Amino acid sequence: MGWKTHPITSKLLSKLKMRINAAVRMYLALEEISKNTVSNIRECFAIIRQHTAWKKVGVLSADFHIPRIQALCQLVQEKAY
């Protein structure tokens, strides 16, 4: 996987908000069912599978969550979890 992490700065957040408010809003999916990280990743994969036209997916999270998210995504993709 080609993971890129970017620190969330107020400038980056402003750019993200502008993009969301402008062109991306109709493509924004917020997963609100899960109660923990594992179920969150499973639900996100389910959402992604429903949108076959999507070419890229971004995950917004705190820096300290990214290694755990990467590891769990790998497990979920391998169906080992």
Protein backbone atom coordinates (compact mmCIF):
# COMPACT_ATOMS: atom_id res chain seq x y z
CA MET A 1 0.00 0.00 0.00
CA GLY A 2 1.20 3.49 -0.72
CA TRP A 3 0.49 5.24 2.55
CA LYS A 4 1.18 8.93 2.85
CA THR A 5 0.82 10.73 6.13
CA HIS A 6 0.54 14.47 6.49
CA PRO A 7 0.49 16.41 9.73
CA ILE A 8 -2.82 18.20 10.15
CA THR A 9 -2.11 21.89 10.24
CA SER A 10 -4.65 24.67 10.18
CA LYS A 11 -3.58 25.43 6.60
CA LEU A 12 -4.11 21.82 5.50
CA LEU A 13 -7.42 21.64 7.36
CA SER A 14 -8.57 24.80 5.59
CA LYS A 15 -7.63 23.29 2.22
CA LEU A 16 -9.50 20.10 3.06
CA LYS A 17 -12.58 22.06 4.13
CA MET A 18 -12.51 24.09 0.92
CA ARG A 19 -12.23 20.96 -1.20
CA ILE A 20 -15.00 19.24 0.72
CA ASN A 21 -17.23 22.29 0.53
CA ALA A 22 -16.57 22.71 -3.18
CA ALA A 23 -16.30 19.57 -5.30
CA VAL A 24 -15.79 16.62 -2.98
CA ARG A 25 -18.80 16.94 -0.69
CA MET A 26 -20.94 14.51 -2.68
CA TYR A 27 -18.16 11.90 -2.44
CA LEU A 28 -17.55 12.22 1.29
CA ALA A 29 -18.50 9.14 3.29
CA LEU A 30 -18.50 9.18 7.06
CA GLU A 31 -18.64 5.82 8.82
CA GLU A 32 -20.74 6.16 11.99
CA ILE A 33 -21.74 2.58 12.89
CA SER A 34 -18.61 1.13 14.47
CA LYS A 35 -17.65 1.16 18.13
CA ASN A 36 -13.92 0.35 17.80
CA THR A 37 -11.05 0.56 15.31
CA VAL A 38 -11.48 -2.96 13.91
CA SER A 39 -15.18 -2.56 13.20
CA ASN A 40 -14.47 0.94 11.83
CA ILE A 41 -12.06 -0.51 9.28
CA ARG A 42 -14.49 -3.29 8.34
CA GLU A 43 -17.30 -0.77 7.85
CA CYS A 44 -15.01 1.48 5.80
CA PHE A 45 -14.08 -1.44 3.53
CA ALA A 46 -17.80 -2.17 3.10
CA ILE A 47 -18.43 1.45 2.07
CA ILE A 48 -15.47 1.34 -0.32
CA ARG A 49 -16.73 -1.89 -1.92
CA GLN A 50 -20.09 -0.21 -2.60
CA HIS A 51 -18.41 2.62 -4.52
CA THR A 52 -16.58 0.78 -7.27
CA ALA A 53 -15.94 3.98 -9.21
CA TRP A 54 -13.71 5.37 -6.46
CA LYS A 55 -10.05 5.37 -7.49
CA LYS A 56 -8.57 6.70 -4.22
CA VAL A 57 -9.67 6.76 -0.61
CA GLY A 58 -8.36 9.00 2.14
CA VAL A 59 -8.44 8.34 5.86
CA LEU A 60 -8.45 11.21 8.28
CA SER A 61 -7.05 10.28 11.69
CA ALA A 62 -4.58 11.36 14.33
CA ASP A 63 -0.91 10.56 13.61
CA PHE A 64 -0.66 8.09 16.48
CA HIS A 65 -3.55 6.01 15.02
CA ILE A 66 -2.01 5.58 11.55
CA PRO A 67 0.31 2.59 12.30
CA ARG A 68 -2.57 0.70 13.92
CA ILE A 69 -4.90 1.57 11.02
CA GLN A 70 -2.29 0.37 8.50
CA ALA A 71 -1.78 -2.92 10.34
CA LEU A 72 -5.50 -3.57 10.77
CA CYS A 73 -6.24 -2.72 7.13
CA GLN A 74 -3.67 -5.29 6.09
CA LEU A 75 -5.29 -7.89 8.37
CA VAL A 76 -8.80 -7.11 7.14
CA GLN A 77 -7.67 -7.31 3.51
CA GLU A 78 -6.09 -10.69 4.18
CA LYS A 79 -9.28 -11.71 6.04
CA ALA A 80 -7.13 -12.77 8.95
CA TYR A 81 -9.00 -10.73 11.51
